Amino acid sequence: MGTNVSLTTELETFARTCVADGRYNNVSEVVRMGLRLLQEREDRRHRFNAMLDTVRDEAKREGVHTAKSVLDEMKTIIDKAAK
């Protein structure tokens, strides 16, 4: 499969530098690596958003707690355990 991609001057220079440094065999490998990294980032973003949706659903079902209420409850438990 062939796809032509236009790069900005800066990206072209960067890709060619990566090849010149010996890290990649050609500019296509650099572009593929960039796309793989973007794909991983997008996958992480989708998983994070799914987690947020789960947390929102749980908060709607069970309510939310403020940091102060949690700290107050922790203090009460610690105080009882210390006696």
C-alpha atoms as a PDB file:
ATOM      1  CA  MET A   1       0.000   0.000   0.000  1.00  0.00           C
ATOM      2  CA  GLY A   2       1.436   3.367  -0.940  1.00  0.00           C
ATOM      3  CA  THR A   3       0.550   6.637   0.668  1.00  0.00           C
ATOM      4  CA  ASN A   4       2.175   9.959   0.010  1.00  0.00           C
ATOM      5  CA  VAL A   5       2.592  12.257   2.985  1.00  0.00           C
ATOM      6  CA  SER A   6       3.583  15.903   2.929  1.00  0.00           C
ATOM      7  CA  LEU A   7       5.742  16.968   5.855  1.00  0.00           C
ATOM      8  CA  THR A   8       6.596  20.422   7.052  1.00  0.00           C
ATOM      9  CA  THR A   9      10.208  21.451   6.569  1.00  0.00           C
ATOM     10  CA  GLU A  10      10.860  20.937  10.274  1.00  0.00           C
ATOM     11  CA  LEU A  11       9.393  17.425  10.302  1.00  0.00           C
ATOM     12  CA  GLU A  12      11.225  16.477   7.131  1.00  0.00           C
ATOM     13  CA  THR A  13      14.501  17.657   8.652  1.00  0.00           C
ATOM     14  CA  PHE A  14      13.770  15.773  11.874  1.00  0.00           C
ATOM     15  CA  ALA A  15      12.930  12.553   9.996  1.00  0.00           C
ATOM     16  CA  ARG A  16      16.058  12.788   7.873  1.00  0.00           C
ATOM     17  CA  THR A  17      18.150  13.426  10.990  1.00  0.00           C
ATOM     18  CA  CYS A  18      16.723  10.274  12.582  1.00  0.00           C
ATOM     19  CA  VAL A  19      17.752   8.326   9.480  1.00  0.00           C
ATOM     20  CA  ALA A  20      21.201   9.974   9.356  1.00  0.00           C
ATOM     21  CA  ASP A  21      21.741   9.090  13.013  1.00  0.00           C
ATOM     22  CA  GLY A  22      21.205   5.447  12.070  1.00  0.00           C
ATOM     23  CA  ARG A  23      18.124   4.916  14.193  1.00  0.00           C
ATOM     24  CA  TYR A  24      15.937   4.234  11.162  1.00  0.00           C
ATOM     25  CA  ASN A  25      16.623   2.962   7.654  1.00  0.00           C
ATOM     26  CA  ASN A  26      14.455   5.519   5.875  1.00  0.00           C
ATOM     27  CA  VAL A  27      11.921   8.309   6.375  1.00  0.00           C
ATOM     28  CA  SER A  28       9.033   5.852   5.942  1.00  0.00           C
ATOM     29  CA  GLU A  29      10.182   3.969   9.053  1.00  0.00           C
ATOM     30  CA  VAL A  30      10.260   7.242  10.984  1.00  0.00           C
ATOM     31  CA  VAL A  31       6.714   8.082   9.871  1.00  0.00           C
ATOM     32  CA  ARG A  32       5.475   4.563  10.735  1.00  0.00           C
ATOM     33  CA  MET A  33       7.010   4.853  14.209  1.00  0.00           C
ATOM     34  CA  GLY A  34       5.332   8.219  14.683  1.00  0.00           C
ATOM     35  CA  LEU A  35       1.994   6.740  13.679  1.00  0.00           C
ATOM     36  CA  ARG A  36       2.477   3.792  16.047  1.00  0.00           C
ATOM     37  CA  LEU A  37       3.173   6.214  18.897  1.00  0.00           C
ATOM     38  CA  LEU A  38       0.093   8.228  17.972  1.00  0.00           C
ATOM     39  CA  GLN A  39      -1.964   5.033  17.879  1.00  0.00           C
ATOM     40  CA  GLU A  40      -0.711   4.072  21.368  1.00  0.00           C
ATOM     41  CA  ARG A  41      -1.521   7.555  22.649  1.00  0.00           C
ATOM     42  CA  GLU A  42      -5.023   7.395  21.186  1.00  0.00           C
ATOM     43  CA  ASP A  43      -5.551   3.941  22.703  1.00  0.00           C
ATOM     44  CA  ARG A  44      -4.510   5.293  26.137  1.00  0.00           C
ATOM     45  CA  ARG A  45      -6.843   8.266  25.679  1.00  0.00           C
ATOM     46  CA  HIS A  46      -9.756   5.950  24.828  1.00  0.00           C
ATOM     47  CA  ARG A  47      -9.038   3.734  27.857  1.00  0.00           C
ATOM     48  CA  PHE A  48      -8.786   6.817  30.099  1.00  0.00           C
ATOM     49  CA  ASN A  49     -12.085   8.200  28.793  1.00  0.00           C
ATOM     50  CA  ALA A  50     -13.739   4.811  29.355  1.00  0.00           C
ATOM     51  CA  MET A  51     -12.425   4.825  32.925  1.00  0.00           C
ATOM     52  CA  LEU A  52     -13.814   8.337  33.447  1.00  0.00           C
ATOM     53  CA  ASP A  53     -17.187   7.202  32.139  1.00  0.00           C
ATOM     54  CA  THR A  54     -17.136   4.309  34.612  1.00  0.00           C
ATOM     55  CA  VAL A  55     -16.260   6.645  37.480  1.00  0.00           C
ATOM     56  CA  ARG A  56     -18.997   9.103  36.481  1.00  0.00           C
ATOM     57  CA  ASP A  57     -21.540   6.286  36.352  1.00  0.00           C
ATOM     58  CA  GLU A  58     -20.434   5.057  39.778  1.00  0.00           C
ATOM     59  CA  ALA A  59     -20.642   8.585  41.204  1.00  0.00           C
ATOM     60  CA  LYS A  60     -24.194   8.937  39.859  1.00  0.00           C
ATOM     61  CA  ARG A  61     -25.172   5.611  41.441  1.00  0.00           C
ATOM     62  CA  GLU A  62     -23.383   5.917  44.763  1.00  0.00           C
ATOM     63  CA  GLY A  63     -22.765   9.619  45.252  1.00  0.00           C
ATOM     64  CA  VAL A  64     -19.529  11.467  45.730  1.00  0.00           C
ATOM     65  CA  HIS A  65     -17.355  12.343  48.701  1.00  0.00           C
ATOM     66  CA  THR A  66     -15.401  15.495  49.330  1.00  0.00           C
ATOM     67  CA  ALA A  67     -11.754  15.271  50.320  1.00  0.00           C
ATOM     68  CA  LYS A  68     -12.698  16.856  53.657  1.00  0.00           C
ATOM     69  CA  SER A  69     -15.314  14.207  54.415  1.00  0.00           C
ATOM     70  CA  VAL A  70     -12.866  11.414  53.592  1.00  0.00           C
ATOM     71  CA  LEU A  71     -10.119  12.971  55.742  1.00  0.00           C
ATOM     72  CA  ASP A  72     -12.573  13.491  58.618  1.00  0.00           C
ATOM     73  CA  GLU A  73     -13.659   9.853  58.417  1.00  0.00           C
ATOM     74  CA  MET A  74     -10.022   8.699  58.312  1.00  0.00           C
ATOM     75  CA  LYS A  75      -9.236  10.806  61.379  1.00  0.00           C
ATOM     76  CA  THR A  76     -12.191   9.307  63.250  1.00  0.00           C
ATOM     77  CA  ILE A  77     -11.060   5.761  62.395  1.00  0.00           C
ATOM     78  CA  ILE A  78      -7.464   6.505  63.418  1.00  0.00           C
ATOM     79  CA  ASP A  79      -8.568   8.146  66.661  1.00  0.00           C
ATOM     80  CA  LYS A  80     -10.746   5.122  67.544  1.00  0.00           C
ATOM     81  CA  ALA A  81      -7.900   2.717  66.750  1.00  0.00           C
ATOM     82  CA  ALA A  82      -5.490   4.710  68.936  1.00  0.00           C
ATOM     83  CA  LYS A  83      -7.718   4.329  72.031  1.00  0.00           C
END
